[in-house]
Amino acid sequence: MNNHLEFESGLRSLLKGMLFTRFCFETRFSLYFVFEMNGETEDNGFPGAVRILLSDWWFGDRDEWELQTKGDWKMEEPLLGVRLVKLRWSGNPVVSDVKLSKSKVSIFFETGEIIHSTLPADGDEFFLRIDEIGGDTWFEATGYDFYLKDPKVL
């Protein structure tokens, strides 16, 4: 996959309908999702459970987020944790859509929450990676390079 629309479509296919179940913090946040349909895992060629590793990310509007955190990572990390707890227990934190722009990935939830993650530019230390739990990397963005595993190749 080598163009923007293919990446966006692939990410949407991978994440849409997945339920946010938990998160972990070990110098960076990892978000965990499972895909379930009527209580049973659906076999659609994509993994049933993934972990998303985020580097530079926020909830909602970037300017409002920076006002809340005052640009201080010591305030930002605890606030991210609080917002993730709120999202997790908000009722039905299911991914409703995924949008990919030149500078960020946006993950929309049925609850109305939106998580945005910066896509790294050359030389940035930021990254975004989606791994199958106990398996392969399905999406990775580092520098200007993207990788998205194609489920048809399995």
C-alpha atoms as a PDB file:
ATOM      1  CA  MET A   1       0.000   0.000   0.000  1.00  0.00           C
ATOM      2  CA  ASN A   2       1.570   3.209  -1.040  1.00  0.00           C
ATOM      3  CA  ASN A   3      -0.946   6.018  -1.194  1.00  0.00           C
ATOM      4  CA  HIS A   4      -2.775   8.086   1.390  1.00  0.00           C
ATOM      5  CA  LEU A   5      -6.287   6.770   0.635  1.00  0.00           C
ATOM      6  CA  GLU A   6      -5.143   3.140   0.783  1.00  0.00           C
ATOM      7  CA  PHE A   7      -3.483   3.715   4.168  1.00  0.00           C
ATOM      8  CA  GLU A   8      -6.558   5.468   5.544  1.00  0.00           C
ATOM      9  CA  SER A   9      -8.881   2.750   4.264  1.00  0.00           C
ATOM     10  CA  GLY A  10      -6.617   0.033   5.679  1.00  0.00           C
ATOM     11  CA  LEU A  11      -6.415   1.716   9.087  1.00  0.00           C
ATOM     12  CA  ARG A  12     -10.191   2.160   9.127  1.00  0.00           C
ATOM     13  CA  SER A  13     -10.706  -1.520   8.271  1.00  0.00           C
ATOM     14  CA  LEU A  14      -8.255  -2.526  10.991  1.00  0.00           C
ATOM     15  CA  LEU A  15      -9.657  -0.387  13.818  1.00  0.00           C
ATOM     16  CA  LYS A  16     -13.332   0.371  13.089  1.00  0.00           C
ATOM     17  CA  GLY A  17     -15.577  -1.561  15.449  1.00  0.00           C
ATOM     18  CA  MET A  18     -12.793  -2.302  17.943  1.00  0.00           C
ATOM     19  CA  LEU A  19     -13.542  -1.812  21.635  1.00  0.00           C
ATOM     20  CA  PHE A  20     -11.056   0.090  23.823  1.00  0.00           C
ATOM     21  CA  THR A  21     -10.484  -2.218  26.801  1.00  0.00           C
ATOM     22  CA  ARG A  22      -7.458  -0.978  28.741  1.00  0.00           C
ATOM     23  CA  PHE A  23      -4.254   1.021  28.707  1.00  0.00           C
ATOM     24  CA  CYS A  24      -0.777   0.772  30.153  1.00  0.00           C
ATOM     25  CA  PHE A  25       1.841   3.425  30.861  1.00  0.00           C
ATOM     26  CA  GLU A  26       5.562   2.616  30.754  1.00  0.00           C
ATOM     27  CA  THR A  27       7.207   5.907  29.692  1.00  0.00           C
ATOM     28  CA  ARG A  28       4.695   5.881  26.810  1.00  0.00           C
ATOM     29  CA  PHE A  29       1.039   4.944  26.612  1.00  0.00           C
ATOM     30  CA  SER A  30      -0.167   1.692  25.075  1.00  0.00           C
ATOM     31  CA  LEU A  31      -3.881   1.405  24.294  1.00  0.00           C
ATOM     32  CA  TYR A  32      -5.485  -2.023  23.935  1.00  0.00           C
ATOM     33  CA  PHE A  33      -8.444  -2.837  21.708  1.00  0.00           C
ATOM     34  CA  VAL A  34     -10.436  -5.988  20.892  1.00  0.00           C
ATOM     35  CA  PHE A  35     -12.814  -6.643  18.047  1.00  0.00           C
ATOM     36  CA  GLU A  36     -16.044  -8.321  19.004  1.00  0.00           C
ATOM     37  CA  MET A  37     -19.319  -8.769  17.185  1.00  0.00           C
ATOM     38  CA  ASN A  38     -22.285  -9.825  19.318  1.00  0.00           C
ATOM     39  CA  GLY A  39     -19.954 -11.188  21.988  1.00  0.00           C
ATOM     40  CA  GLU A  40     -17.983 -13.341  19.550  1.00  0.00           C
ATOM     41  CA  THR A  41     -14.740 -12.467  17.820  1.00  0.00           C
ATOM     42  CA  GLU A  42     -15.302 -12.046  14.102  1.00  0.00           C
ATOM     43  CA  ASP A  43     -12.734 -13.504  11.687  1.00  0.00           C
ATOM     44  CA  ASN A  44     -12.319 -10.777   9.049  1.00  0.00           C
ATOM     45  CA  GLY A  45      -8.629 -11.335   8.285  1.00  0.00           C
ATOM     46  CA  PHE A  46      -7.602  -8.682  10.798  1.00  0.00           C
ATOM     47  CA  PRO A  47      -6.356  -9.370  14.325  1.00  0.00           C
ATOM     48  CA  GLY A  48      -8.961  -9.694  17.079  1.00  0.00           C
ATOM     49  CA  ALA A  49      -6.850  -7.713  19.549  1.00  0.00           C
ATOM     50  CA  VAL A  50      -4.313  -4.926  19.022  1.00  0.00           C
ATOM     51  CA  ARG A  51      -2.070  -2.618  21.002  1.00  0.00           C
ATOM     52  CA  ILE A  52      -1.557   0.951  19.810  1.00  0.00           C
ATOM     53  CA  LEU A  53       1.688   2.613  20.908  1.00  0.00           C
ATOM     54  CA  LEU A  54       1.393   6.381  20.807  1.00  0.00           C
ATOM     55  CA  SER A  55       4.082   9.021  21.086  1.00  0.00           C
ATOM     56  CA  ASP A  56       2.742  12.572  20.557  1.00  0.00           C
ATOM     57  CA  TRP A  57      -1.036  12.431  21.065  1.00  0.00           C
ATOM     58  CA  TRP A  58      -3.979  14.239  22.630  1.00  0.00           C
ATOM     59  CA  PHE A  59      -7.757  14.286  23.019  1.00  0.00           C
ATOM     60  CA  GLY A  60      -9.970  16.659  20.983  1.00  0.00           C
ATOM     61  CA  ASP A  61      -8.846  20.052  19.713  1.00  0.00           C
ATOM     62  CA  ARG A  62      -5.055  20.550  19.925  1.00  0.00           C
ATOM     63  CA  ASP A  63      -5.251  24.206  21.022  1.00  0.00           C
ATOM     64  CA  GLU A  64      -7.745  23.418  23.802  1.00  0.00           C
ATOM     65  CA  TRP A  65      -5.597  20.478  24.886  1.00  0.00           C
ATOM     66  CA  GLU A  66      -2.501  22.672  25.137  1.00  0.00           C
ATOM     67  CA  LEU A  67      -4.449  25.230  27.179  1.00  0.00           C
ATOM     68  CA  GLN A  68      -5.438  22.478  29.632  1.00  0.00           C
ATOM     69  CA  THR A  69      -1.923  21.098  29.963  1.00  0.00           C
ATOM     70  CA  LYS A  70      -0.044  24.392  29.557  1.00  0.00           C
ATOM     71  CA  GLY A  71       2.375  22.461  27.300  1.00  0.00           C
ATOM     72  CA  ASP A  72       3.874  20.730  30.358  1.00  0.00           C
ATOM     73  CA  TRP A  73       4.382  16.964  29.995  1.00  0.00           C
ATOM     74  CA  LYS A  74       4.199  16.645  33.806  1.00  0.00           C
ATOM     75  CA  MET A  75       0.589  17.806  33.544  1.00  0.00           C
ATOM     76  CA  GLU A  76      -0.107  16.127  30.209  1.00  0.00           C
ATOM     77  CA  GLU A  77       0.641  12.510  31.144  1.00  0.00           C
ATOM     78  CA  PRO A  78      -1.673  12.400  34.209  1.00  0.00           C
ATOM     79  CA  LEU A  79      -4.422  14.156  32.238  1.00  0.00           C
ATOM     80  CA  LEU A  80      -4.078  11.628  29.402  1.00  0.00           C
ATOM     81  CA  GLY A  81      -4.434   8.832  31.970  1.00  0.00           C
ATOM     82  CA  VAL A  82      -7.560  10.410  33.471  1.00  0.00           C
ATOM     83  CA  ARG A  83      -9.116  10.883  30.032  1.00  0.00           C
ATOM     84  CA  LEU A  84      -8.350   7.251  29.111  1.00  0.00           C
ATOM     85  CA  VAL A  85     -10.050   6.032  32.300  1.00  0.00           C
ATOM     86  CA  LYS A  86     -13.060   8.212  31.478  1.00  0.00           C
ATOM     87  CA  LEU A  87     -13.133   6.849  27.904  1.00  0.00           C
ATOM     88  CA  ARG A  88     -12.828   3.248  29.091  1.00  0.00           C
ATOM     89  CA  TRP A  89     -15.775   3.529  31.482  1.00  0.00           C
ATOM     90  CA  SER A  90     -17.925   5.778  29.277  1.00  0.00           C
ATOM     91  CA  GLY A  91     -20.278   3.013  28.235  1.00  0.00           C
ATOM     92  CA  ASN A  92     -19.257   1.813  24.791  1.00  0.00           C
ATOM     93  CA  PRO A  93     -15.784   3.044  23.751  1.00  0.00           C
ATOM     94  CA  VAL A  94     -15.907   1.564  20.240  1.00  0.00           C
ATOM     95  CA  VAL A  95     -13.919   3.015  17.336  1.00  0.00           C
ATOM     96  CA  SER A  96     -16.399   4.534  14.883  1.00  0.00           C
ATOM     97  CA  ASP A  97     -13.975   5.940  12.310  1.00  0.00           C
ATOM     98  CA  VAL A  98     -10.326   6.617  11.520  1.00  0.00           C
ATOM     99  CA  LYS A  99      -9.011   9.565   9.504  1.00  0.00           C
ATOM    100  CA  LEU A 100      -5.487  10.000   8.211  1.00  0.00           C
ATOM    101  CA  SER A 101      -4.090  13.391   7.199  1.00  0.00           C
ATOM    102  CA  LYS A 102      -0.544  14.327   6.234  1.00  0.00           C
ATOM    103  CA  SER A 103       0.262  15.259   9.825  1.00  0.00           C
ATOM    104  CA  LYS A 104      -1.898  13.077  12.089  1.00  0.00           C
ATOM    105  CA  VAL A 105      -4.104  10.047  12.605  1.00  0.00           C
ATOM    106  CA  SER A 106      -7.488  10.666  14.247  1.00  0.00           C
ATOM    107  CA  ILE A 107      -9.384   7.865  15.987  1.00  0.00           C
ATOM    108  CA  PHE A 108     -13.080   8.620  16.541  1.00  0.00           C
ATOM    109  CA  PHE A 109     -15.146   6.811  19.172  1.00  0.00           C
ATOM    110  CA  GLU A 110     -18.904   6.241  19.379  1.00  0.00           C
ATOM    111  CA  THR A 111     -18.760   8.149  22.685  1.00  0.00           C
ATOM    112  CA  GLY A 112     -17.813  11.347  20.807  1.00  0.00           C
ATOM    113  CA  GLU A 113     -14.195  11.335  22.002  1.00  0.00           C
ATOM    114  CA  ILE A 114     -11.405  11.773  19.454  1.00  0.00           C
ATOM    115  CA  ILE A 115      -7.773  10.802  19.926  1.00  0.00           C
ATOM    116  CA  HIS A 116      -5.273  12.429  17.585  1.00  0.00           C
ATOM    117  CA  SER A 117      -1.686  11.285  17.137  1.00  0.00           C
ATOM    118  CA  THR A 118       1.017  13.194  15.292  1.00  0.00           C
ATOM    119  CA  LEU A 119       2.518  11.377  12.349  1.00  0.00           C
ATOM    120  CA  PRO A 120       6.277  11.686  12.536  1.00  0.00           C
ATOM    121  CA  ALA A 121       8.339  13.703  10.088  1.00  0.00           C
ATOM    122  CA  ASP A 122      11.889  12.779   9.110  1.00  0.00           C
ATOM    123  CA  GLY A 123      14.127  12.902  12.166  1.00  0.00           C
ATOM    124  CA  ASP A 124      11.253  13.066  14.673  1.00  0.00           C
ATOM    125  CA  GLU A 125      11.321  10.775  17.652  1.00  0.00           C
ATOM    126  CA  PHE A 126       7.522  10.490  17.504  1.00  0.00           C
ATOM    127  CA  PHE A 127       5.991   7.287  16.275  1.00  0.00           C
ATOM    128  CA  LEU A 128       2.725   5.425  15.973  1.00  0.00           C
ATOM    129  CA  ARG A 129       2.567   1.643  15.882  1.00  0.00           C
ATOM    130  CA  ILE A 130      -0.271  -0.883  15.943  1.00  0.00           C
ATOM    131  CA  ASP A 131       0.644  -4.441  16.918  1.00  0.00           C
ATOM    132  CA  GLU A 132      -1.432  -7.590  17.072  1.00  0.00           C
ATOM    133  CA  ILE A 133      -1.431  -8.869  20.658  1.00  0.00           C
ATOM    134  CA  GLY A 134       1.149 -11.664  20.625  1.00  0.00           C
ATOM    135  CA  GLY A 135       1.775 -11.175  16.917  1.00  0.00           C
ATOM    136  CA  ASP A 136       2.900  -8.950  14.085  1.00  0.00           C
ATOM    137  CA  THR A 137       3.068  -5.199  13.592  1.00  0.00           C
ATOM    138  CA  TRP A 138       0.076  -4.130  11.472  1.00  0.00           C
ATOM    139  CA  PHE A 139       0.782  -0.424  11.074  1.00  0.00           C
ATOM    140  CA  GLU A 140       3.858   1.666  11.700  1.00  0.00           C
ATOM    141  CA  ALA A 141       4.661   5.303  11.002  1.00  0.00           C
ATOM    142  CA  THR A 142       8.233   6.498  11.544  1.00  0.00           C
ATOM    143  CA  GLY A 143       9.726   9.446   9.720  1.00  0.00           C
ATOM    144  CA  TYR A 144       7.891   9.757   6.412  1.00  0.00           C
ATOM    145  CA  ASP A 145       7.606   5.983   6.074  1.00  0.00           C
ATOM    146  CA  PHE A 146       4.406   4.017   6.530  1.00  0.00           C
ATOM    147  CA  TYR A 147       3.883   0.317   6.781  1.00  0.00           C
ATOM    148  CA  LEU A 148       0.459  -1.346   6.759  1.00  0.00           C
ATOM    149  CA  LYS A 149       0.144  -5.107   6.670  1.00  0.00           C
ATOM    150  CA  ASP A 150      -2.295  -6.365   4.048  1.00  0.00           C
ATOM    151  CA  PRO A 151      -4.644  -9.042   5.438  1.00  0.00           C
ATOM    152  CA  LYS A 152      -5.033 -10.510   1.919  1.00  0.00           C
ATOM    153  CA  VAL A 153      -1.370 -11.575   2.064  1.00  0.00           C
ATOM    154  CA  LEU A 154      -1.921 -13.791   5.116  1.00  0.00           C
END
